[in-house]
Amino acid sequence: MLLTPVSLLMPAPLQETRPVSSQTGGTDAVAQSFGNLLRQKLDELNNLQQQADALTQEYFAGKVEDVHQVMLALEEANLSLQLAMQVRNKAVEAYQEISRMQI
């Protein structure tokens, strides 16, 4: 039977933490990257909505025969919109909670 020394079972010591500004270049960089990410995701949502709308128009014009493809595009756009609405609702709730805090 192989016995492992106790020293190998001990967790590694914690590394020293540094403020966010020294790690990422400042809070402006974090806010900028979050803003860019949010803008990118909203653009993707807009593209999904436009693609679903275009596919629906093509179906009604008779250019697309596969109703399954149209329904999948519509449902994907709908789910993406619902997700965006939930993210917005959570952000508004967080803002309201912060504004109610006593400082």
PDB file of N, CA and C in Angstrom:
ATOM      1  N   MET A   1       0.837  -1.175   0.000  1.00  0.00           N
ATOM      2  CA  MET A   1       0.000   0.000   0.000  1.00  0.00           C
ATOM      3  C   MET A   1       0.885   1.243   0.000  1.00  0.00           C
ATOM      4  N   LEU A   2       0.575   2.183  -0.896  1.00  0.00           N
ATOM      5  CA  LEU A   2       1.369   3.396  -1.042  1.00  0.00           C
ATOM      6  C   LEU A   2       0.795   4.486  -0.150  1.00  0.00           C
ATOM      7  N   LEU A   3       1.610   5.053   0.715  1.00  0.00           N
ATOM      8  CA  LEU A   3       1.175   6.131   1.606  1.00  0.00           C
ATOM      9  C   LEU A   3       1.670   7.464   1.068  1.00  0.00           C
ATOM     10  N   THR A   4       0.766   8.422   1.001  1.00  0.00           N
ATOM     11  CA  THR A   4       1.102   9.756   0.522  1.00  0.00           C
ATOM     12  C   THR A   4       1.470  10.631   1.714  1.00  0.00           C
ATOM     13  N   PRO A   5       2.584  11.359   1.636  1.00  0.00           N
ATOM     14  CA  PRO A   5       2.933  12.248   2.745  1.00  0.00           C
ATOM     15  C   PRO A   5       1.852  13.307   2.961  1.00  0.00           C
ATOM     16  N   VAL A   6       1.674  13.703   4.208  1.00  0.00           N
ATOM     17  CA  VAL A   6       0.648  14.685   4.566  1.00  0.00           C
ATOM     18  C   VAL A   6       0.923  16.024   3.892  1.00  0.00           C
ATOM     19  N   SER A   7       2.172  16.369   3.698  1.00  0.00           N
ATOM     20  CA  SER A   7       2.505  17.660   3.098  1.00  0.00           C
ATOM     21  C   SER A   7       1.966  17.787   1.676  1.00  0.00           C
ATOM     22  N   LEU A   8       1.804  16.686   0.974  1.00  0.00           N
ATOM     23  CA  LEU A   8       1.262  16.737  -0.384  1.00  0.00           C
ATOM     24  C   LEU A   8      -0.248  16.933  -0.392  1.00  0.00           C
ATOM     25  N   LEU A   9      -0.902  16.647   0.714  1.00  0.00           N
ATOM     26  CA  LEU A   9      -2.349  16.799   0.796  1.00  0.00           C
ATOM     27  C   LEU A   9      -2.770  18.199   1.213  1.00  0.00           C
ATOM     28  N   MET A  10      -1.834  19.003   1.683  1.00  0.00           N
ATOM     29  CA  MET A  10      -2.152  20.360   2.127  1.00  0.00           C
ATOM     30  C   MET A  10      -2.397  21.251   0.914  1.00  0.00           C
ATOM     31  N   PRO A  11      -3.362  22.170   1.009  1.00  0.00           N
ATOM     32  CA  PRO A  11      -3.609  23.071  -0.117  1.00  0.00           C
ATOM     33  C   PRO A  11      -2.441  24.029  -0.311  1.00  0.00           C
ATOM     34  N   ALA A  12      -2.296  24.459  -1.531  1.00  0.00           N
ATOM     35  CA  ALA A  12      -1.226  25.400  -1.854  1.00  0.00           C
ATOM     36  C   ALA A  12      -1.528  26.746  -1.203  1.00  0.00           C
ATOM     37  N   PRO A  13      -0.492  27.491  -0.816  1.00  0.00           N
ATOM     38  CA  PRO A  13      -0.738  28.800  -0.203  1.00  0.00           C
ATOM     39  C   PRO A  13      -1.407  29.744  -1.204  1.00  0.00           C
ATOM     40  N   LEU A  14      -2.216  30.638  -0.681  1.00  0.00           N
ATOM     41  CA  LEU A  14      -2.918  31.595  -1.530  1.00  0.00           C
ATOM     42  C   LEU A  14      -1.947  32.600  -2.101  1.00  0.00           C
ATOM     43  N   GLN A  15      -2.188  32.978  -3.332  1.00  0.00           N
ATOM     44  CA  GLN A  15      -1.358  34.001  -3.950  1.00  0.00           C
ATOM     45  C   GLN A  15      -1.873  35.364  -3.530  1.00  0.00           C
ATOM     46  N   GLU A  16      -0.976  36.314  -3.510  1.00  0.00           N
ATOM     47  CA  GLU A  16      -1.356  37.669  -3.140  1.00  0.00           C
ATOM     48  C   GLU A  16      -2.281  38.242  -4.206  1.00  0.00           C
ATOM     49  N   THR A  17      -3.347  38.884  -3.769  1.00  0.00           N
ATOM     50  CA  THR A  17      -4.277  39.502  -4.716  1.00  0.00           C
ATOM     51  C   THR A  17      -3.868  40.937  -4.960  1.00  0.00           C
ATOM     52  N   ARG A  18      -4.123  41.376  -6.168  1.00  0.00           N
ATOM     53  CA  ARG A  18      -3.818  42.748  -6.549  1.00  0.00           C
ATOM     54  C   ARG A  18      -5.113  43.444  -6.914  1.00  0.00           C
ATOM     55  N   PRO A  19      -5.150  44.759  -6.796  1.00  0.00           N
ATOM     56  CA  PRO A  19      -6.361  45.486  -7.199  1.00  0.00           C
ATOM     57  C   PRO A  19      -6.653  45.283  -8.678  1.00  0.00           C
ATOM     58  N   VAL A  20      -7.898  45.444  -9.051  1.00  0.00           N
ATOM     59  CA  VAL A  20      -8.328  45.242 -10.435  1.00  0.00           C
ATOM     60  C   VAL A  20      -7.597  46.179 -11.373  1.00  0.00           C
ATOM     61  N   SER A  21      -7.348  47.402 -10.941  1.00  0.00           N
ATOM     62  CA  SER A  21      -6.725  48.378 -11.832  1.00  0.00           C
ATOM     63  C   SER A  21      -5.330  47.946 -12.268  1.00  0.00           C
ATOM     64  N   SER A  22      -4.580  47.263 -11.412  1.00  0.00           N
ATOM     65  CA  SER A  22      -3.241  46.838 -11.815  1.00  0.00           C
ATOM     66  C   SER A  22      -3.272  45.567 -12.656  1.00  0.00           C
ATOM     67  N   GLN A  23      -4.352  44.793 -12.564  1.00  0.00           N
ATOM     68  CA  GLN A  23      -4.432  43.550 -13.324  1.00  0.00           C
ATOM     69  C   GLN A  23      -4.899  43.782 -14.748  1.00  0.00           C
ATOM     70  N   THR A  24      -5.890  44.619 -14.943  1.00  0.00           N
ATOM     71  CA  THR A  24      -6.514  44.734 -16.258  1.00  0.00           C
ATOM     72  C   THR A  24      -6.296  46.073 -16.929  1.00  0.00           C
ATOM     73  N   GLY A  25      -5.570  46.959 -16.304  1.00  0.00           N
ATOM     74  CA  GLY A  25      -5.364  48.245 -16.933  1.00  0.00           C
ATOM     75  C   GLY A  25      -6.362  49.282 -16.455  1.00  0.00           C
ATOM     76  N   GLY A  26      -7.135  49.005 -15.444  1.00  0.00           N
ATOM     77  CA  GLY A  26      -8.059  49.978 -14.886  1.00  0.00           C
ATOM     78  C   GLY A  26      -9.503  49.589 -15.071  1.00  0.00           C
ATOM     79  N   THR A  27     -10.332  50.250 -14.272  1.00  0.00           N
ATOM     80  CA  THR A  27     -11.762  49.950 -14.349  1.00  0.00           C
ATOM     81  C   THR A  27     -12.363  50.457 -15.650  1.00  0.00           C
ATOM     82  N   ASP A  28     -11.746  51.462 -16.255  1.00  0.00           N
ATOM     83  CA  ASP A  28     -12.244  51.938 -17.551  1.00  0.00           C
ATOM     84  C   ASP A  28     -12.130  50.843 -18.604  1.00  0.00           C
ATOM     85  N   ALA A  29     -11.041  50.082 -18.544  1.00  0.00           N
ATOM     86  CA  ALA A  29     -10.862  48.988 -19.503  1.00  0.00           C
ATOM     87  C   ALA A  29     -11.898  47.898 -19.278  1.00  0.00           C
ATOM     88  N   VAL A  30     -12.211  47.620 -18.012  1.00  0.00           N
ATOM     89  CA  VAL A  30     -13.224  46.606 -17.705  1.00  0.00           C
ATOM     90  C   VAL A  30     -14.584  47.075 -18.190  1.00  0.00           C
ATOM     91  N   ALA A  31     -14.917  48.334 -17.912  1.00  0.00           N
ATOM     92  CA  ALA A  31     -16.201  48.872 -18.359  1.00  0.00           C
ATOM     93  C   ALA A  31     -16.273  48.900 -19.880  1.00  0.00           C
ATOM     94  N   GLN A  32     -15.169  49.242 -20.522  1.00  0.00           N
ATOM     95  CA  GLN A  32     -15.134  49.276 -21.979  1.00  0.00           C
ATOM     96  C   GLN A  32     -15.325  47.880 -22.554  1.00  0.00           C
ATOM     97  N   SER A  33     -14.654  46.885 -21.972  1.00  0.00           N
ATOM     98  CA  SER A  33     -14.795  45.534 -22.499  1.00  0.00           C
ATOM     99  C   SER A  33     -16.203  45.002 -22.248  1.00  0.00           C
ATOM    100  N   PHE A  34     -16.810  45.349 -21.112  1.00  0.00           N
ATOM    101  CA  PHE A  34     -18.186  44.931 -20.853  1.00  0.00           C
ATOM    102  C   PHE A  34     -19.130  45.604 -21.841  1.00  0.00           C
ATOM    103  N   GLY A  35     -18.902  46.881 -22.102  1.00  0.00           N
ATOM    104  CA  GLY A  35     -19.731  47.590 -23.077  1.00  0.00           C
ATOM    105  C   GLY A  35     -19.605  46.997 -24.465  1.00  0.00           C
ATOM    106  N   ASN A  36     -18.386  46.642 -24.838  1.00  0.00           N
ATOM    107  CA  ASN A  36     -18.177  46.013 -26.147  1.00  0.00           C
ATOM    108  C   ASN A  36     -18.858  44.657 -26.229  1.00  0.00           C
ATOM    109  N   LEU A  37     -18.759  43.878 -25.154  1.00  0.00           N
ATOM    110  CA  LEU A  37     -19.406  42.571 -25.122  1.00  0.00           C
ATOM    111  C   LEU A  37     -20.922  42.718 -25.226  1.00  0.00           C
ATOM    112  N   LEU A  38     -21.469  43.664 -24.483  1.00  0.00           N
ATOM    113  CA  LEU A  38     -22.910  43.894 -24.524  1.00  0.00           C
ATOM    114  C   LEU A  38     -23.354  44.335 -25.917  1.00  0.00           C
ATOM    115  N   ARG A  39     -22.613  45.236 -26.526  1.00  0.00           N
ATOM    116  CA  ARG A  39     -22.939  45.701 -27.873  1.00  0.00           C
ATOM    117  C   ARG A  39     -22.868  44.552 -28.875  1.00  0.00           C
ATOM    118  N   GLN A  40     -21.848  43.709 -28.745  1.00  0.00           N
ATOM    119  CA  GLN A  40     -21.683  42.565 -29.646  1.00  0.00           C
ATOM    120  C   GLN A  40     -22.855  41.599 -29.516  1.00  0.00           C
ATOM    121  N   LYS A  41     -23.270  41.306 -28.298  1.00  0.00           N
ATOM    122  CA  LYS A  41     -24.378  40.371 -28.092  1.00  0.00           C
ATOM    123  C   LYS A  41     -25.696  40.959 -28.582  1.00  0.00           C
ATOM    124  N   LEU A  42     -25.890  42.252 -28.406  1.00  0.00           N
ATOM    125  CA  LEU A  42     -27.107  42.882 -28.925  1.00  0.00           C
ATOM    126  C   LEU A  42     -27.113  42.890 -30.446  1.00  0.00           C
ATOM    127  N   ASP A  43     -25.946  43.058 -31.048  1.00  0.00           N
ATOM    128  CA  ASP A  43     -25.861  42.967 -32.510  1.00  0.00           C
ATOM    129  C   ASP A  43     -26.197  41.555 -32.991  1.00  0.00           C
ATOM    130  N   GLU A  44     -25.714  40.545 -32.262  1.00  0.00           N
ATOM    131  CA  GLU A  44     -26.043  39.164 -32.618  1.00  0.00           C
ATOM    132  C   GLU A  44     -27.544  38.909 -32.490  1.00  0.00           C
ATOM    133  N   LEU A  45     -28.147  39.450 -31.437  1.00  0.00           N
ATOM    134  CA  LEU A  45     -29.591  39.314 -31.253  1.00  0.00           C
ATOM    135  C   LEU A  45     -30.341  39.981 -32.397  1.00  0.00           C
ATOM    136  N   ASN A  46     -29.898  41.159 -32.778  1.00  0.00           N
ATOM    137  CA  ASN A  46     -30.529  41.869 -33.886  1.00  0.00           C
ATOM    138  C   ASN A  46     -30.402  41.073 -35.184  1.00  0.00           C
ATOM    139  N   ASN A  47     -29.231  40.488 -35.418  1.00  0.00           N
ATOM    140  CA  ASN A  47     -29.033  39.677 -36.626  1.00  0.00           C
ATOM    141  C   ASN A  47     -29.949  38.459 -36.639  1.00  0.00           C
ATOM    142  N   LEU A  48     -30.105  37.805 -35.482  1.00  0.00           N
ATOM    143  CA  LEU A  48     -31.011  36.655 -35.409  1.00  0.00           C
ATOM    144  C   LEU A  48     -32.449  37.065 -35.725  1.00  0.00           C
ATOM    145  N   GLN A  49     -32.861  38.204 -35.196  1.00  0.00           N
ATOM    146  CA  GLN A  49     -34.218  38.692 -35.449  1.00  0.00           C
ATOM    147  C   GLN A  49     -34.410  39.006 -36.938  1.00  0.00           C
ATOM    148  N   GLN A  50     -33.412  39.646 -37.538  1.00  0.00           N
ATOM    149  CA  GLN A  50     -33.507  39.987 -38.955  1.00  0.00           C
ATOM    150  C   GLN A  50     -33.499  38.741 -39.836  1.00  0.00           C
ATOM    151  N   GLN A  51     -32.679  37.758 -39.492  1.00  0.00           N
ATOM    152  CA  GLN A  51     -32.643  36.518 -40.269  1.00  0.00           C
ATOM    153  C   GLN A  51     -33.968  35.775 -40.178  1.00  0.00           C
ATOM    154  N   ALA A  52     -34.550  35.734 -38.985  1.00  0.00           N
ATOM    155  CA  ALA A  52     -35.839  35.059 -38.819  1.00  0.00           C
ATOM    156  C   ALA A  52     -36.922  35.789 -39.600  1.00  0.00           C
ATOM    157  N   ASP A  53     -36.880  37.113 -39.582  1.00  0.00           N
ATOM    158  CA  ASP A  53     -37.863  37.899 -40.330  1.00  0.00           C
ATOM    159  C   ASP A  53     -37.706  37.676 -41.833  1.00  0.00           C
ATOM    160  N   ALA A  54     -36.463  37.670 -42.308  1.00  0.00           N
ATOM    161  CA  ALA A  54     -36.219  37.455 -43.738  1.00  0.00           C
ATOM    162  C   ALA A  54     -36.658  36.058 -44.164  1.00  0.00           C
ATOM    163  N   LEU A  55     -36.392  35.069 -43.331  1.00  0.00           N
ATOM    164  CA  LEU A  55     -36.797  33.702 -43.645  1.00  0.00           C
ATOM    165  C   LEU A  55     -38.319  33.576 -43.669  1.00  0.00           C
ATOM    166  N   THR A  56     -38.984  34.272 -42.765  1.00  0.00           N
ATOM    167  CA  THR A  56     -40.453  34.262 -42.748  1.00  0.00           C
ATOM    168  C   THR A  56     -41.007  34.901 -44.014  1.00  0.00           C
ATOM    169  N   GLN A  57     -40.415  36.016 -44.421  1.00  0.00           N
ATOM    170  CA  GLN A  57     -40.861  36.688 -45.645  1.00  0.00           C
ATOM    171  C   GLN A  57     -40.644  35.793 -46.864  1.00  0.00           C
ATOM    172  N   GLU A  58     -39.512  35.103 -46.895  1.00  0.00           N
ATOM    173  CA  GLU A  58     -39.238  34.190 -48.009  1.00  0.00           C
ATOM    174  C   GLU A  58     -40.217  33.020 -48.015  1.00  0.00           C
ATOM    175  N   TYR A  59     -40.606  32.551 -46.835  1.00  0.00           N
ATOM    176  CA  TYR A  59     -41.573  31.454 -46.758  1.00  0.00           C
ATOM    177  C   TYR A  59     -42.923  31.907 -47.306  1.00  0.00           C
ATOM    178  N   PHE A  60     -43.354  33.101 -46.912  1.00  0.00           N
ATOM    179  CA  PHE A  60     -44.639  33.606 -47.395  1.00  0.00           C
ATOM    180  C   PHE A  60     -44.607  33.920 -48.887  1.00  0.00           C
ATOM    181  N   ALA A  61     -43.420  34.248 -49.406  1.00  0.00           N
ATOM    182  CA  ALA A  61     -43.280  34.512 -50.836  1.00  0.00           C
ATOM    183  C   ALA A  61     -43.149  33.222 -51.643  1.00  0.00           C
ATOM    184  N   GLY A  62     -42.996  32.095 -50.958  1.00  0.00           N
ATOM    185  CA  GLY A  62     -42.890  30.812 -51.644  1.00  0.00           C
ATOM    186  C   GLY A  62     -41.477  30.431 -52.019  1.00  0.00           C
ATOM    187  N   LYS A  63     -40.487  31.196 -51.572  1.00  0.00           N
ATOM    188  CA  LYS A  63     -39.092  30.902 -51.905  1.00  0.00           C
ATOM    189  C   LYS A  63     -38.513  29.791 -51.026  1.00  0.00           C
ATOM    190  N   VAL A  64     -39.076  29.618 -49.831  1.00  0.00           N
ATOM    191  CA  VAL A  64     -38.619  28.585 -48.902  1.00  0.00           C
ATOM    192  C   VAL A  64     -39.774  27.637 -48.654  1.00  0.00           C
ATOM    193  N   GLU A  65     -39.527  26.347 -48.815  1.00  0.00           N
ATOM    194  CA  GLU A  65     -40.584  25.342 -48.644  1.00  0.00           C
ATOM    195  C   GLU A  65     -40.546  24.691 -47.260  1.00  0.00           C
ATOM    196  N   ASP A  66     -39.407  24.730 -46.601  1.00  0.00           N
ATOM    197  CA  ASP A  66     -39.226  24.016 -45.337  1.00  0.00           C
ATOM    198  C   ASP A  66     -39.731  24.864 -44.170  1.00  0.00           C
ATOM    199  N   VAL A  67     -40.933  24.560 -43.701  1.00  0.00           N
ATOM    200  CA  VAL A  67     -41.515  25.309 -42.590  1.00  0.00           C
ATOM    201  C   VAL A  67     -40.756  25.026 -41.292  1.00  0.00           C
ATOM    202  N   HIS A  68     -40.144  23.856 -41.205  1.00  0.00           N
ATOM    203  CA  HIS A  68     -39.365  23.499 -40.018  1.00  0.00           C
ATOM    204  C   HIS A  68     -38.190  24.463 -39.834  1.00  0.00           C
ATOM    205  N   GLN A  69     -37.509  24.779 -40.916  1.00  0.00           N
ATOM    206  CA  GLN A  69     -36.384  25.710 -40.871  1.00  0.00           C
ATOM    207  C   GLN A  69     -36.856  27.093 -40.427  1.00  0.00           C
ATOM    208  N   VAL A  70     -37.999  27.524 -40.918  1.00  0.00           N
ATOM    209  CA  VAL A  70     -38.547  28.831 -40.549  1.00  0.00           C
ATOM    210  C   VAL A  70     -38.892  28.856 -39.067  1.00  0.00           C
ATOM    211  N   MET A  71     -39.541  27.810 -38.588  1.00  0.00           N
ATOM    212  CA  MET A  71     -39.937  27.756 -37.182  1.00  0.00           C
ATOM    213  C   MET A  71     -38.720  27.703 -36.259  1.00  0.00           C
ATOM    214  N   LEU A  72     -37.680  26.987 -36.665  1.00  0.00           N
ATOM    215  CA  LEU A  72     -36.462  26.949 -35.853  1.00  0.00           C
ATOM    216  C   LEU A  72     -35.819  28.332 -35.758  1.00  0.00           C
ATOM    217  N   ALA A  73     -35.767  29.042 -36.866  1.00  0.00           N
ATOM    218  CA  ALA A  73     -35.185  30.386 -36.861  1.00  0.00           C
ATOM    219  C   ALA A  73     -36.010  31.327 -35.989  1.00  0.00           C
ATOM    220  N   LEU A  74     -37.335  31.230 -36.089  1.00  0.00           N
ATOM    221  CA  LEU A  74     -38.202  32.074 -35.266  1.00  0.00           C
ATOM    222  C   LEU A  74     -38.052  31.752 -33.783  1.00  0.00           C
ATOM    223  N   GLU A  75     -37.979  30.487 -33.460  1.00  0.00           N
ATOM    224  CA  GLU A  75     -37.853  30.092 -32.049  1.00  0.00           C
ATOM    225  C   GLU A  75     -36.493  30.481 -31.483  1.00  0.00           C
ATOM    226  N   GLU A  76     -35.446  30.343 -32.285  1.00  0.00           N
ATOM    227  CA  GLU A  76     -34.117  30.757 -31.832  1.00  0.00           C
ATOM    228  C   GLU A  76     -34.090  32.256 -31.565  1.00  0.00           C
ATOM    229  N   ALA A  77     -34.684  33.035 -32.451  1.00  0.00           N
ATOM    230  CA  ALA A  77     -34.747  34.480 -32.254  1.00  0.00           C
ATOM    231  C   ALA A  77     -35.582  34.815 -31.022  1.00  0.00           C
ATOM    232  N   ASN A  78     -36.687  34.104 -30.828  1.00  0.00           N
ATOM    233  CA  ASN A  78     -37.546  34.348 -29.678  1.00  0.00           C
ATOM    234  C   ASN A  78     -36.825  34.027 -28.369  1.00  0.00           C
ATOM    235  N   LEU A  79     -36.138  32.896 -28.314  1.00  0.00           N
ATOM    236  CA  LEU A  79     -35.407  32.530 -27.100  1.00  0.00           C
ATOM    237  C   LEU A  79     -34.276  33.515 -26.809  1.00  0.00           C
ATOM    238  N   SER A  80     -33.609  33.975 -27.839  1.00  0.00           N
ATOM    239  CA  SER A  80     -32.542  34.958 -27.650  1.00  0.00           C
ATOM    240  C   SER A  80     -33.098  36.264 -27.110  1.00  0.00           C
ATOM    241  N   LEU A  81     -34.250  36.664 -27.611  1.00  0.00           N
ATOM    242  CA  LEU A  81     -34.882  37.886 -27.123  1.00  0.00           C
ATOM    243  C   LEU A  81     -35.318  37.725 -25.673  1.00  0.00           C
ATOM    244  N   GLN A  82     -35.874  36.579 -25.323  1.00  0.00           N
ATOM    245  CA  GLN A  82     -36.277  36.339 -23.938  1.00  0.00           C
ATOM    246  C   GLN A  82     -35.072  36.366 -23.000  1.00  0.00           C
ATOM    247  N   LEU A  83     -33.958  35.788 -23.436  1.00  0.00           N
ATOM    248  CA  LEU A  83     -32.742  35.820 -22.634  1.00  0.00           C
ATOM    249  C   LEU A  83     -32.264  37.253 -22.437  1.00  0.00           C
ATOM    250  N   ALA A  84     -32.274  38.044 -23.493  1.00  0.00           N
ATOM    251  CA  ALA A  84     -31.854  39.441 -23.388  1.00  0.00           C
ATOM    252  C   ALA A  84     -32.763  40.211 -22.434  1.00  0.00           C
ATOM    253  N   MET A  85     -34.050  39.925 -22.474  1.00  0.00           N
ATOM    254  CA  MET A  85     -34.983  40.600 -21.570  1.00  0.00           C
ATOM    255  C   MET A  85     -34.711  40.208 -20.115  1.00  0.00           C
ATOM    256  N   GLN A  86     -34.387  38.958 -19.869  1.00  0.00           N
ATOM    257  CA  GLN A  86     -34.082  38.524 -18.504  1.00  0.00           C
ATOM    258  C   GLN A  86     -32.786  39.163 -18.004  1.00  0.00           C
ATOM    259  N   VAL A  87     -31.795  39.278 -18.870  1.00  0.00           N
ATOM    260  CA  VAL A  87     -30.550  39.942 -18.490  1.00  0.00           C
ATOM    261  C   VAL A  87     -30.825  41.405 -18.171  1.00  0.00           C
ATOM    262  N   ARG A  88     -31.644  42.054 -18.989  1.00  0.00           N
ATOM    263  CA  ARG A  88     -32.008  43.447 -18.730  1.00  0.00           C
ATOM    264  C   ARG A  88     -32.741  43.575 -17.404  1.00  0.00           C
ATOM    265  N   ASN A  89     -33.693  42.680 -17.144  1.00  0.00           N
ATOM    266  CA  ASN A  89     -34.446  42.729 -15.891  1.00  0.00           C
ATOM    267  C   ASN A  89     -33.527  42.558 -14.687  1.00  0.00           C
ATOM    268  N   LYS A  90     -32.576  41.645 -14.777  1.00  0.00           N
ATOM    269  CA  LYS A  90     -31.632  41.441 -13.673  1.00  0.00           C
ATOM    270  C   LYS A  90     -30.745  42.666 -13.480  1.00  0.00           C
ATOM    271  N   ALA A  91     -30.336  43.298 -14.563  1.00  0.00           N
ATOM    272  CA  ALA A  91     -29.514  44.502 -14.454  1.00  0.00           C
ATOM    273  C   ALA A  91     -30.304  45.635 -13.807  1.00  0.00           C
ATOM    274  N   VAL A  92     -31.565  45.790 -14.175  1.00  0.00           N
ATOM    275  CA  VAL A  92     -32.409  46.827 -13.576  1.00  0.00           C
ATOM    276  C   VAL A  92     -32.627  46.532 -12.096  1.00  0.00           C
ATOM    277  N   GLU A  93     -32.877  45.272 -11.756  1.00  0.00           N
ATOM    278  CA  GLU A  93     -33.049  44.897 -10.349  1.00  0.00           C
ATOM    279  C   GLU A  93     -31.786  45.198  -9.546  1.00  0.00           C
ATOM    280  N   ALA A  94     -30.623  44.893 -10.103  1.00  0.00           N
ATOM    281  CA  ALA A  94     -29.362  45.161  -9.413  1.00  0.00           C
ATOM    282  C   ALA A  94     -29.164  46.658  -9.225  1.00  0.00           C
ATOM    283  N   TYR A  95     -29.473  47.449 -10.240  1.00  0.00           N
ATOM    284  CA  TYR A  95     -29.354  48.901 -10.131  1.00  0.00           C
ATOM    285  C   TYR A  95     -30.283  49.433  -9.051  1.00  0.00           C
ATOM    286  N   GLN A  96     -31.522  48.953  -9.026  1.00  0.00           N
ATOM    287  CA  GLN A  96     -32.474  49.406  -8.015  1.00  0.00           C
ATOM    288  C   GLN A  96     -32.021  49.007  -6.616  1.00  0.00           C
ATOM    289  N   GLU A  97     -31.476  47.822  -6.476  1.00  0.00           N
ATOM    290  CA  GLU A  97     -30.981  47.367  -5.177  1.00  0.00           C
ATOM    291  C   GLU A  97     -29.828  48.248  -4.707  1.00  0.00           C
ATOM    292  N   ILE A  98     -28.926  48.575  -5.602  1.00  0.00           N
ATOM    293  CA  ILE A  98     -27.793  49.433  -5.246  1.00  0.00           C
ATOM    294  C   ILE A  98     -28.278  50.829  -4.889  1.00  0.00           C
ATOM    295  N   SER A  99     -29.256  51.345  -5.624  1.00  0.00           N
ATOM    296  CA  SER A  99     -29.749  52.698  -5.339  1.00  0.00           C
ATOM    297  C   SER A  99     -30.486  52.765  -4.003  1.00  0.00           C
ATOM    298  N   ARG A 100     -30.994  51.645  -3.506  1.00  0.00           N
ATOM    299  CA  ARG A 100     -31.682  51.622  -2.214  1.00  0.00           C
ATOM    300  C   ARG A 100     -30.730  51.453  -1.038  1.00  0.00           C
ATOM    301  N   MET A 101     -29.481  51.141  -1.304  1.00  0.00           N
ATOM    302  CA  MET A 101     -28.525  50.919  -0.213  1.00  0.00           C
ATOM    303  C   MET A 101     -28.239  52.217   0.521  1.00  0.00           C
ATOM    304  N   GLN A 102     -28.120  52.092   1.833  1.00  0.00           N
ATOM    305  CA  GLN A 102     -27.741  53.229   2.669  1.00  0.00           C
ATOM    306  C   GLN A 102     -26.221  53.297   2.742  1.00  0.00           C
ATOM    307  N   ILE A 103     -25.676  54.447   2.422  1.00  0.00           N
ATOM    308  CA  ILE A 103     -24.213  54.595   2.455  1.00  0.00           C
ATOM    309  C   ILE A 103     -23.830  55.505   3.591  1.00  0.00           C
TER     310      ILE A 103
END
